[in-house]
Amino acid sequence: MIAMSFFTGLFAFIAIVSGATLLIMIYFDNRNVRIDDGIANFRRHIDALSPEARQSSVHRNNSEDRRN
């Protein structure tokens, strides 16, 4: 049988725990990300602005105004 020193076992344990933690963090970070979230956040931000402040953003993002 292959003998394993204390430090080799400790290193292996830390590597496994770190890898599992990284996978869990990636899973929780990516499970709720959708393209619609960014659009909804933008609309909430625009709705929170006053009509005067909103006018320049709406005008800048209106495709008909860009063509003229």
PDB file of N, CA and C in Angstrom:
ATOM      1  N   MET A   1       0.838  -1.163   0.000  1.00  0.00           N
ATOM      2  CA  MET A   1       0.000   0.000   0.000  1.00  0.00           C
ATOM      3  C   MET A   1       0.890   1.235   0.000  1.00  0.00           C
ATOM      4  N   ILE A   2       0.391   2.294  -0.599  1.00  0.00           N
ATOM      5  CA  ILE A   2       1.168   3.522  -0.687  1.00  0.00           C
ATOM      6  C   ILE A   2       1.024   4.294   0.617  1.00  0.00           C
ATOM      7  N   ALA A   3       2.153   4.597   1.195  1.00  0.00           N
ATOM      8  CA  ALA A   3       2.144   5.355   2.441  1.00  0.00           C
ATOM      9  C   ALA A   3       1.928   6.833   2.125  1.00  0.00           C
ATOM     10  N   MET A   4       1.139   7.490   2.951  1.00  0.00           N
ATOM     11  CA  MET A   4       0.838   8.891   2.726  1.00  0.00           C
ATOM     12  C   MET A   4       1.244   9.672   3.966  1.00  0.00           C
ATOM     13  N   SER A   5       2.041  10.706   3.754  1.00  0.00           N
ATOM     14  CA  SER A   5       2.478  11.498   4.896  1.00  0.00           C
ATOM     15  C   SER A   5       1.353  12.426   5.357  1.00  0.00           C
ATOM     16  N   PHE A   6       1.532  12.985   6.497  1.00  0.00           N
ATOM     17  CA  PHE A   6       0.535  13.880   7.069  1.00  0.00           C
ATOM     18  C   PHE A   6       0.286  15.089   6.173  1.00  0.00           C
ATOM     19  N   PHE A   7       1.382  15.688   5.656  1.00  0.00           N
ATOM     20  CA  PHE A   7       1.248  16.891   4.835  1.00  0.00           C
ATOM     21  C   PHE A   7       0.597  16.592   3.490  1.00  0.00           C
ATOM     22  N   THR A   8       0.857  15.414   2.925  1.00  0.00           N
ATOM     23  CA  THR A   8       0.216  15.030   1.675  1.00  0.00           C
ATOM     24  C   THR A   8      -1.288  14.857   1.880  1.00  0.00           C
ATOM     25  N   GLY A   9      -1.671  14.228   2.966  1.00  0.00           N
ATOM     26  CA  GLY A   9      -3.088  14.066   3.280  1.00  0.00           C
ATOM     27  C   GLY A   9      -3.768  15.398   3.559  1.00  0.00           C
ATOM     28  N   LEU A  10      -3.084  16.283   4.286  1.00  0.00           N
ATOM     29  CA  LEU A  10      -3.628  17.606   4.574  1.00  0.00           C
ATOM     30  C   LEU A  10      -3.812  18.400   3.292  1.00  0.00           C
ATOM     31  N   PHE A  11      -2.819  18.348   2.433  1.00  0.00           N
ATOM     32  CA  PHE A  11      -2.902  19.061   1.162  1.00  0.00           C
ATOM     33  C   PHE A  11      -4.058  18.519   0.318  1.00  0.00           C
ATOM     34  N   ALA A  12      -4.204  17.209   0.259  1.00  0.00           N
ATOM     35  CA  ALA A  12      -5.297  16.606  -0.504  1.00  0.00           C
ATOM     36  C   ALA A  12      -6.652  17.015   0.066  1.00  0.00           C
ATOM     37  N   PHE A  13      -6.779  17.020   1.375  1.00  0.00           N
ATOM     38  CA  PHE A  13      -8.031  17.419   2.012  1.00  0.00           C
ATOM     39  C   PHE A  13      -8.365  18.877   1.706  1.00  0.00           C
ATOM     40  N   ILE A  14      -7.382  19.758   1.825  1.00  0.00           N
ATOM     41  CA  ILE A  14      -7.601  21.182   1.544  1.00  0.00           C
ATOM     42  C   ILE A  14      -7.963  21.384   0.072  1.00  0.00           C
ATOM     43  N   ALA A  15      -7.319  20.640  -0.827  1.00  0.00           N
ATOM     44  CA  ALA A  15      -7.618  20.763  -2.251  1.00  0.00           C
ATOM     45  C   ALA A  15      -9.047  20.324  -2.558  1.00  0.00           C
ATOM     46  N   ILE A  16      -9.479  19.244  -1.948  1.00  0.00           N
ATOM     47  CA  ILE A  16     -10.842  18.751  -2.186  1.00  0.00           C
ATOM     48  C   ILE A  16     -11.870  19.731  -1.630  1.00  0.00           C
ATOM     49  N   VAL A  17     -11.642  20.233  -0.426  1.00  0.00           N
ATOM     50  CA  VAL A  17     -12.572  21.190   0.177  1.00  0.00           C
ATOM     51  C   VAL A  17     -12.605  22.485  -0.636  1.00  0.00           C
ATOM     52  N   SER A  18     -11.465  22.954  -1.089  1.00  0.00           N
ATOM     53  CA  SER A  18     -11.414  24.183  -1.888  1.00  0.00           C
ATOM     54  C   SER A  18     -12.134  23.999  -3.224  1.00  0.00           C
ATOM     55  N   GLY A  19     -11.902  22.873  -3.872  1.00  0.00           N
ATOM     56  CA  GLY A  19     -12.572  22.603  -5.140  1.00  0.00           C
ATOM     57  C   GLY A  19     -14.077  22.506  -4.989  1.00  0.00           C
ATOM     58  N   ALA A  20     -14.539  21.834  -3.937  1.00  0.00           N
ATOM     59  CA  ALA A  20     -15.978  21.721  -3.698  1.00  0.00           C
ATOM     60  C   ALA A  20     -16.582  23.092  -3.399  1.00  0.00           C
ATOM     61  N   THR A  21     -15.884  23.903  -2.628  1.00  0.00           N
ATOM     62  CA  THR A  21     -16.364  25.250  -2.316  1.00  0.00           C
ATOM     63  C   THR A  21     -16.459  26.095  -3.574  1.00  0.00           C
ATOM     64  N   LEU A  22     -15.469  25.999  -4.437  1.00  0.00           N
ATOM     65  CA  LEU A  22     -15.484  26.741  -5.696  1.00  0.00           C
ATOM     66  C   LEU A  22     -16.650  26.315  -6.569  1.00  0.00           C
ATOM     67  N   LEU A  23     -16.899  25.028  -6.684  1.00  0.00           N
ATOM     68  CA  LEU A  23     -18.024  24.544  -7.489  1.00  0.00           C
ATOM     69  C   LEU A  23     -19.361  25.019  -6.928  1.00  0.00           C
ATOM     70  N   ILE A  24     -19.506  25.010  -5.623  1.00  0.00           N
ATOM     71  CA  ILE A  24     -20.746  25.482  -5.000  1.00  0.00           C
ATOM     72  C   ILE A  24     -20.941  26.974  -5.254  1.00  0.00           C
ATOM     73  N   MET A  25     -19.869  27.750  -5.141  1.00  0.00           N
ATOM     74  CA  MET A  25     -19.971  29.189  -5.392  1.00  0.00           C
ATOM     75  C   MET A  25     -20.340  29.475  -6.840  1.00  0.00           C
ATOM     76  N   ILE A  26     -19.755  28.751  -7.774  1.00  0.00           N
ATOM     77  CA  ILE A  26     -20.088  28.931  -9.191  1.00  0.00           C
ATOM     78  C   ILE A  26     -21.539  28.558  -9.444  1.00  0.00           C
ATOM     79  N   TYR A  27     -22.003  27.476  -8.846  1.00  0.00           N
ATOM     80  CA  TYR A  27     -23.389  27.047  -9.026  1.00  0.00           C
ATOM     81  C   TYR A  27     -24.364  28.112  -8.531  1.00  0.00           C
ATOM     82  N   PHE A  28     -24.156  28.629  -7.317  1.00  0.00           N
ATOM     83  CA  PHE A  28     -25.069  29.623  -6.771  1.00  0.00           C
ATOM     84  C   PHE A  28     -24.977  30.953  -7.496  1.00  0.00           C
ATOM     85  N   ASP A  29     -23.828  31.274  -8.053  1.00  0.00           N
ATOM     86  CA  ASP A  29     -23.675  32.533  -8.777  1.00  0.00           C
ATOM     87  C   ASP A  29     -24.381  32.488 -10.122  1.00  0.00           C
ATOM     88  N   ASN A  30     -24.375  31.355 -10.792  1.00  0.00           N
ATOM     89  CA  ASN A  30     -24.918  31.263 -12.146  1.00  0.00           C
ATOM     90  C   ASN A  30     -26.364  30.806 -12.228  1.00  0.00           C
ATOM     91  N   ARG A  31     -26.956  30.356 -11.168  1.00  0.00           N
ATOM     92  CA  ARG A  31     -28.288  29.759 -11.299  1.00  0.00           C
ATOM     93  C   ARG A  31     -29.390  30.777 -11.505  1.00  0.00           C
ATOM     94  N   ASN A  32     -29.206  32.035 -11.136  1.00  0.00           N
ATOM     95  CA  ASN A  32     -30.261  33.028 -11.281  1.00  0.00           C
ATOM     96  C   ASN A  32     -29.940  34.114 -12.302  1.00  0.00           C
ATOM     97  N   VAL A  33     -28.880  33.964 -13.063  1.00  0.00           N
ATOM     98  CA  VAL A  33     -28.486  34.997 -14.008  1.00  0.00           C
ATOM     99  C   VAL A  33     -29.192  34.744 -15.340  1.00  0.00           C
ATOM    100  N   ARG A  34     -29.948  35.740 -15.766  1.00  0.00           N
ATOM    101  CA  ARG A  34     -30.626  35.663 -17.054  1.00  0.00           C
ATOM    102  C   ARG A  34     -30.497  37.009 -17.744  1.00  0.00           C
ATOM    103  N   ILE A  35     -30.686  37.029 -19.045  1.00  0.00           N
ATOM    104  CA  ILE A  35     -30.604  38.277 -19.794  1.00  0.00           C
ATOM    105  C   ILE A  35     -31.723  39.221 -19.392  1.00  0.00           C
ATOM    106  N   ASP A  36     -32.874  38.681 -19.016  1.00  0.00           N
ATOM    107  CA  ASP A  36     -34.010  39.518 -18.635  1.00  0.00           C
ATOM    108  C   ASP A  36     -33.747  40.300 -17.358  1.00  0.00           C
ATOM    109  N   ASP A  37     -32.856  39.809 -16.503  1.00  0.00           N
ATOM    110  CA  ASP A  37     -32.545  40.514 -15.261  1.00  0.00           C
ATOM    111  C   ASP A  37     -31.943  41.887 -15.545  1.00  0.00           C
ATOM    112  N   GLY A  38     -31.047  41.967 -16.507  1.00  0.00           N
ATOM    113  CA  GLY A  38     -30.433  43.247 -16.851  1.00  0.00           C
ATOM    114  C   GLY A  38     -31.437  44.213 -17.440  1.00  0.00           C
ATOM    115  N   ILE A  39     -32.335  43.699 -18.261  1.00  0.00           N
ATOM    116  CA  ILE A  39     -33.366  44.540 -18.864  1.00  0.00           C
ATOM    117  C   ILE A  39     -34.315  45.050 -17.795  1.00  0.00           C
ATOM    118  N   ALA A  40     -34.716  44.184 -16.878  1.00  0.00           N
ATOM    119  CA  ALA A  40     -35.618  44.592 -15.800  1.00  0.00           C
ATOM    120  C   ALA A  40     -34.950  45.631 -14.898  1.00  0.00           C
ATOM    121  N   ASN A  41     -33.672  45.451 -14.607  1.00  0.00           N
ATOM    122  CA  ASN A  41     -32.952  46.432 -13.781  1.00  0.00           C
ATOM    123  C   ASN A  41     -32.886  47.786 -14.478  1.00  0.00           C
ATOM    124  N   PHE A  42     -32.656  47.778 -15.793  1.00  0.00           N
ATOM    125  CA  PHE A  42     -32.598  49.029 -16.551  1.00  0.00           C
ATOM    126  C   PHE A  42     -33.960  49.724 -16.518  1.00  0.00           C
ATOM    127  N   ARG A  43     -35.025  48.970 -16.718  1.00  0.00           N
ATOM    128  CA  ARG A  43     -36.365  49.573 -16.704  1.00  0.00           C
ATOM    129  C   ARG A  43     -36.721  50.131 -15.324  1.00  0.00           C
ATOM    130  N   ARG A  44     -36.346  49.419 -14.257  1.00  0.00           N
ATOM    131  CA  ARG A  44     -36.591  49.938 -12.910  1.00  0.00           C
ATOM    132  C   ARG A  44     -35.815  51.226 -12.670  1.00  0.00           C
ATOM    133  N   HIS A  45     -34.596  51.271 -13.183  1.00  0.00           N
ATOM    134  CA  HIS A  45     -33.778  52.472 -13.022  1.00  0.00           C
ATOM    135  C   HIS A  45     -34.394  53.647 -13.781  1.00  0.00           C
ATOM    136  N   ILE A  46     -34.832  53.415 -14.999  1.00  0.00           N
ATOM    137  CA  ILE A  46     -35.454  54.474 -15.798  1.00  0.00           C
ATOM    138  C   ILE A  46     -36.751  54.936 -15.142  1.00  0.00           C
ATOM    139  N   ASP A  47     -37.548  54.000 -14.644  1.00  0.00           N
ATOM    140  CA  ASP A  47     -38.812  54.366 -13.999  1.00  0.00           C
ATOM    141  C   ASP A  47     -38.593  55.186 -12.730  1.00  0.00           C
ATOM    142  N   ALA A  48     -37.461  55.006 -12.075  1.00  0.00           N
ATOM    143  CA  ALA A  48     -37.178  55.744 -10.849  1.00  0.00           C
ATOM    144  C   ALA A  48     -36.748  57.182 -11.129  1.00  0.00           C
ATOM    145  N   LEU A  49     -36.346  57.475 -12.347  1.00  0.00           N
ATOM    146  CA  LEU A  49     -35.898  58.826 -12.680  1.00  0.00           C
ATOM    147  C   LEU A  49     -37.085  59.757 -12.880  1.00  0.00           C
ATOM    148  N   SER A  50     -36.841  61.033 -12.723  1.00  0.00           N
ATOM    149  CA  SER A  50     -37.878  62.026 -12.998  1.00  0.00           C
ATOM    150  C   SER A  50     -38.086  62.114 -14.511  1.00  0.00           C
ATOM    151  N   PRO A  51     -39.233  62.620 -14.958  1.00  0.00           N
ATOM    152  CA  PRO A  51     -39.471  62.717 -16.412  1.00  0.00           C
ATOM    153  C   PRO A  51     -38.407  63.536 -17.142  1.00  0.00           C
ATOM    154  N   GLU A  52     -37.894  64.583 -16.510  1.00  0.00           N
ATOM    155  CA  GLU A  52     -36.867  65.403 -17.167  1.00  0.00           C
ATOM    156  C   GLU A  52     -35.562  64.623 -17.337  1.00  0.00           C
ATOM    157  N   ALA A  53     -35.175  63.885 -16.301  1.00  0.00           N
ATOM    158  CA  ALA A  53     -33.942  63.097 -16.372  1.00  0.00           C
ATOM    159  C   ALA A  53     -34.114  61.908 -17.305  1.00  0.00           C
ATOM    160  N   ARG A  54     -35.321  61.383 -17.381  1.00  0.00           N
ATOM    161  CA  ARG A  54     -35.601  60.218 -18.217  1.00  0.00           C
ATOM    162  C   ARG A  54     -35.605  60.567 -19.704  1.00  0.00           C
ATOM    163  N   GLN A  55     -35.929  61.808 -20.034  1.00  0.00           N
ATOM    164  CA  GLN A  55     -36.102  62.195 -21.431  1.00  0.00           C
ATOM    165  C   GLN A  55     -34.845  61.969 -22.260  1.00  0.00           C
ATOM    166  N   SER A  56     -33.681  62.309 -21.736  1.00  0.00           N
ATOM    167  CA  SER A  56     -32.453  62.131 -22.520  1.00  0.00           C
ATOM    168  C   SER A  56     -32.136  60.659 -22.733  1.00  0.00           C
ATOM    169  N   SER A  57     -32.397  59.806 -21.747  1.00  0.00           N
ATOM    170  CA  SER A  57     -32.143  58.377 -21.906  1.00  0.00           C
ATOM    171  C   SER A  57     -33.106  57.746 -22.893  1.00  0.00           C
ATOM    172  N   VAL A  58     -34.363  58.118 -22.818  1.00  0.00           N
ATOM    173  CA  VAL A  58     -35.355  57.564 -23.739  1.00  0.00           C
ATOM    174  C   VAL A  58     -35.062  58.034 -25.150  1.00  0.00           C
ATOM    175  N   HIS A  59     -34.733  59.313 -25.302  1.00  0.00           N
ATOM    176  CA  HIS A  59     -34.427  59.858 -26.623  1.00  0.00           C
ATOM    177  C   HIS A  59     -33.186  59.183 -27.221  1.00  0.00           C
ATOM    178  N   ARG A  60     -32.175  58.949 -26.412  1.00  0.00           N
ATOM    179  CA  ARG A  60     -30.932  58.346 -26.884  1.00  0.00           C
ATOM    180  C   ARG A  60     -31.139  56.887 -27.295  1.00  0.00           C
ATOM    181  N   ASN A  61     -32.075  56.166 -26.661  1.00  0.00           N
ATOM    182  CA  ASN A  61     -32.291  54.753 -26.950  1.00  0.00           C
ATOM    183  C   ASN A  61     -33.449  54.487 -27.898  1.00  0.00           C
ATOM    184  N   ASN A  62     -34.093  55.509 -28.390  1.00  0.00           N
ATOM    185  CA  ASN A  62     -35.203  55.344 -29.325  1.00  0.00           C
ATOM    186  C   ASN A  62     -34.630  55.153 -30.729  1.00  0.00           C
ATOM    187  N   SER A  63     -34.936  54.049 -31.380  1.00  0.00           N
ATOM    188  CA  SER A  63     -34.356  53.745 -32.694  1.00  0.00           C
ATOM    189  C   SER A  63     -34.845  54.706 -33.767  1.00  0.00           C
ATOM    190  N   GLU A  64     -36.074  55.210 -33.671  1.00  0.00           N
ATOM    191  CA  GLU A  64     -36.573  56.158 -34.677  1.00  0.00           C
ATOM    192  C   GLU A  64     -35.840  57.483 -34.597  1.00  0.00           C
ATOM    193  N   ASP A  65     -35.508  57.905 -33.391  1.00  0.00           N
ATOM    194  CA  ASP A  65     -34.775  59.170 -33.245  1.00  0.00           C
ATOM    195  C   ASP A  65     -33.356  59.049 -33.776  1.00  0.00           C
ATOM    196  N   ARG A  66     -32.765  57.882 -33.693  1.00  0.00           N
ATOM    197  CA  ARG A  66     -31.395  57.695 -34.184  1.00  0.00           C
ATOM    198  C   ARG A  66     -31.337  57.733 -35.704  1.00  0.00           C
ATOM    199  N   ARG A  67     -32.408  57.273 -36.354  1.00  0.00           N
ATOM    200  CA  ARG A  67     -32.417  57.294 -37.823  1.00  0.00           C
ATOM    201  C   ARG A  67     -32.589  58.696 -38.376  1.00  0.00           C
ATOM    202  N   ASN A  68     -33.267  59.578 -37.651  1.00  0.00           N
ATOM    203  CA  ASN A  68     -33.539  60.936 -38.156  1.00  0.00           C
ATOM    204  C   ASN A  68     -32.431  61.876 -37.853  1.00  0.00           C
TER     205      ASN A  68
END
